[in-house]
């Protein structure tokens, strides 16, 4: 997650723990996501299935309750 965030040009992401992600496997209605980041106003969510970021709709952004992480 951090490697790809750095490649997109940011080192600050919000992410849940791996354990959280395992216990919140894809559901028919997903109201939380694994992680998020913002690069120049474009918002992304993290997909463990694709192991990559995808463009996130603005209305989803505020539903993510994940702590911030600094990538190195």
Protein backbone atom coordinates (compact mmCIF):
# COMPACT_ATOMS: atom_id res chain seq x y z
CA UNK A 1 0.00 0.00 0.00
CA UNK A 2 2.77 2.46 0.92
CA UNK A 3 4.92 1.58 -2.10
CA UNK A 4 2.11 2.41 -4.50
CA UNK A 5 1.14 5.53 -2.55
CA UNK A 6 4.71 6.81 -2.85
CA UNK A 7 4.63 6.04 -6.59
CA UNK A 8 1.47 8.20 -6.87
CA UNK A 9 3.31 11.05 -5.17
CA UNK A 10 2.11 11.05 -1.56
CA UNK A 11 3.44 9.65 1.69
CA UNK A 12 0.31 10.15 3.82
CA UNK A 13 -2.50 7.61 3.73
CA UNK A 14 -5.30 6.54 6.03
CA UNK A 15 -5.49 2.80 6.52
CA UNK A 16 -7.01 0.14 8.68
CA UNK A 17 -4.99 -2.77 9.99
CA UNK A 18 -4.62 -5.98 8.02
CA UNK A 19 -6.62 -7.75 10.75
CA UNK A 20 -9.44 -5.23 10.30
CA UNK A 21 -9.42 -5.92 6.56
CA UNK A 22 -9.52 -9.69 7.07
CA UNK A 23 -12.54 -9.40 9.34
CA UNK A 24 -14.32 -7.06 6.89
CA UNK A 25 -14.17 -9.22 3.78
CA UNK A 26 -16.09 -7.92 0.75
CA UNK A 27 -19.77 -7.73 1.53
CA UNK A 28 -22.71 -7.07 -0.81
CA UNK A 29 -22.86 -3.55 0.66
CA UNK A 30 -19.45 -2.28 1.69
CA UNK A 31 -19.63 0.78 3.95
CA UNK A 32 -15.94 0.90 4.88
CA UNK A 33 -12.76 0.53 2.88
CA UNK A 34 -9.25 -0.68 3.67
CA UNK A 35 -7.48 2.60 3.08
CA UNK A 36 -7.63 5.95 1.34
CA UNK A 37 -5.36 8.67 0.02
CA UNK A 38 -5.62 12.04 -1.66
CA UNK A 39 -3.25 13.12 -4.41
CA UNK A 40 -3.83 16.69 -5.55
CA UNK A 41 -7.56 16.51 -4.85
CA UNK A 42 -8.03 13.14 -6.55
CA UNK A 43 -9.16 10.59 -3.98
CA UNK A 44 -8.37 6.89 -4.01
CA UNK A 45 -9.42 3.78 -2.10
CA UNK A 46 -7.27 0.66 -1.65
CA UNK A 47 -8.18 -2.74 -3.10
CA UNK A 48 -6.47 -5.81 -1.67
CA UNK A 49 -7.98 -7.82 -4.51
CA UNK A 50 -6.14 -5.70 -7.11
CA UNK A 51 -3.32 -4.63 -4.76
CA UNK A 52 -3.72 -1.12 -6.13
CA UNK A 53 -5.59 2.15 -5.68
CA UNK A 54 -8.86 2.97 -7.46
CA UNK A 55 -10.61 6.32 -7.87
CA UNK A 56 -12.94 6.87 -4.93
CA UNK A 57 -16.26 8.65 -5.17
CA UNK A 58 -16.40 11.79 -3.04
CA UNK A 59 -19.39 10.60 -0.99
CA UNK A 60 -17.37 7.60 0.26
CA UNK A 61 -14.38 9.65 1.46
CA UNK A 62 -15.93 10.70 4.78
CA UNK A 63 -17.09 7.17 5.62
CA UNK A 64 -13.51 5.94 6.07
CA UNK A 65 -12.57 5.90 9.73
CA UNK A 66 -8.97 4.81 9.43
CA UNK A 67 -5.99 6.32 11.24
CA UNK A 68 -3.40 8.28 9.24
CA UNK A 69 -0.11 6.61 8.38
CA UNK A 70 3.12 8.13 7.07
CA UNK A 71 4.85 5.97 4.46
CA UNK A 72 8.64 5.89 4.21
